[in-house]
Amino acid sequence: MPEPRFYAVDREGQYVGEVAHVVAERGERRASGLVLQKNGNEMVLPLSAVQSAEGARIVLRGEAGQYRELPPFYRAGYRVIDEELEASMEIDEDFQIGAEE
């Protein structure tokens, strides 16, 4: 089953980009932004720009034009929270599903 793809739209519903990652500033524990992908570029969108989330659709506070000049995403400057969570979700080999025998 493919993973759900989250995407961002402006307040009018215009597509802004696909959400690639949830990030935090290095040394911080709280998420600070979303990495948006569009046309092969990855940009950091501050969480303060998010108005709401409806399923896989992230609605932003402003208009699409406001998000054209976002700062580029460089991994060295951020913790990639979604990847850290995925790496920590290891299943023990003894884990079983079903009734005990």
Protein backbone atom coordinates (compact mmCIF):
# COMPACT_ATOMS: atom_id res chain seq x y z
CA MET A 1 0.00 0.00 0.00
CA PRO A 2 1.55 3.35 -1.01
CA GLU A 3 2.14 5.98 1.65
CA PRO A 4 -0.28 8.92 1.65
CA ARG A 5 1.15 12.00 -0.04
CA PHE A 6 0.58 15.28 1.73
CA TYR A 7 0.44 18.47 -0.31
CA ALA A 8 0.10 22.18 0.39
CA VAL A 9 -2.34 24.61 -1.20
CA ASP A 10 -2.77 28.34 -0.67
CA ARG A 11 -5.90 29.81 0.91
CA GLU A 12 -7.60 29.83 -2.50
CA GLY A 13 -6.81 26.15 -3.13
CA GLN A 14 -3.91 26.71 -5.57
CA TYR A 15 -1.23 23.98 -5.40
CA VAL A 16 2.01 25.10 -3.71
CA GLY A 17 3.96 21.84 -3.37
CA GLU A 18 4.18 18.31 -2.02
CA VAL A 19 5.22 17.83 1.59
CA ALA A 20 8.48 15.87 1.66
CA HIS A 21 9.50 16.16 5.33
CA VAL A 22 8.69 17.60 8.74
CA VAL A 23 11.76 19.34 10.16
CA ALA A 24 13.07 21.01 13.30
CA GLU A 25 15.99 23.37 13.74
CA ARG A 26 19.19 21.53 14.80
CA GLY A 27 19.22 21.10 18.57
CA GLU A 28 15.45 21.71 18.89
CA ARG A 29 12.81 19.14 19.83
CA ARG A 30 9.77 20.91 18.35
CA ALA A 31 8.91 20.84 14.65
CA SER A 32 9.47 24.20 12.99
CA GLY A 33 8.66 23.61 9.34
CA LEU A 34 7.64 21.50 6.40
CA VAL A 35 9.86 20.76 3.43
CA LEU A 36 7.90 21.35 0.23
CA GLN A 37 8.93 19.87 -3.11
CA LYS A 38 7.98 21.55 -6.35
CA ASN A 39 9.67 21.37 -9.75
CA GLY A 40 12.60 19.42 -8.30
CA ASN A 41 13.32 22.02 -5.61
CA GLU A 42 13.01 21.52 -1.85
CA MET A 43 12.09 24.56 0.24
CA VAL A 44 11.39 25.08 3.94
CA LEU A 45 7.95 26.39 4.85
CA PRO A 46 7.58 27.64 8.44
CA LEU A 47 4.79 25.90 10.38
CA SER A 48 3.38 29.36 11.16
CA ALA A 49 2.28 29.52 7.50
CA VAL A 50 -0.10 26.57 7.98
CA GLN A 51 -3.74 27.48 8.53
CA SER A 52 -5.23 23.98 8.70
CA ALA A 53 -4.90 20.37 7.61
CA GLU A 54 -7.72 18.42 5.99
CA GLY A 55 -6.66 14.82 5.35
CA ALA A 56 -3.62 14.93 3.05
CA ARG A 57 -4.30 18.58 2.15
CA ILE A 58 -2.39 21.30 4.06
CA VAL A 59 -4.02 24.73 3.70
CA LEU A 60 -1.69 27.72 3.99
CA ARG A 61 -2.59 31.17 5.29
CA GLY A 62 -1.39 33.19 2.31
CA GLU A 63 -1.49 33.22 -1.47
CA ALA A 64 0.69 30.94 -3.64
CA GLY A 65 2.93 33.85 -4.72
CA GLN A 66 4.09 34.35 -1.14
CA TYR A 67 5.67 30.88 -1.15
CA ARG A 68 7.75 31.12 -4.34
CA GLU A 69 10.85 32.45 -2.58
CA LEU A 70 11.09 30.12 0.42
CA PRO A 71 14.57 29.27 1.72
CA PRO A 72 16.13 26.13 0.22
CA PHE A 73 16.25 22.98 2.33
CA TYR A 74 19.73 21.86 3.43
CA ARG A 75 19.76 18.72 5.59
CA ALA A 76 22.76 19.93 7.58
CA GLY A 77 20.67 22.71 9.11
CA TYR A 78 17.72 20.62 10.24
CA ARG A 79 16.59 17.47 12.02
CA VAL A 80 14.34 15.49 9.67
CA ILE A 81 11.70 14.41 12.16
CA ASP A 82 9.69 12.08 9.91
CA GLU A 83 12.82 10.07 9.06
CA GLU A 84 13.83 9.88 12.73
CA LEU A 85 10.38 8.56 13.65
CA GLU A 86 10.43 6.02 10.84
CA ALA A 87 13.87 4.76 11.90
CA SER A 88 12.73 4.35 15.51
CA MET A 89 9.71 2.21 14.57
CA GLU A 90 11.44 -1.15 14.61
CA ILE A 91 9.37 -4.30 15.12
CA ASP A 92 10.77 -6.94 17.43
CA GLU A 93 11.36 -10.24 15.61
CA ASP A 94 9.30 -12.06 18.25
CA PHE A 95 6.24 -9.92 17.58
CA GLN A 96 3.24 -12.01 16.53
CA ILE A 97 -0.29 -11.24 15.43
CA GLY A 98 -3.17 -13.47 16.42
CA ALA A 99 -4.26 -15.65 19.31
CA GLU A 100 -1.79 -17.36 21.61
CA GLU A 101 -1.21 -21.03 20.88
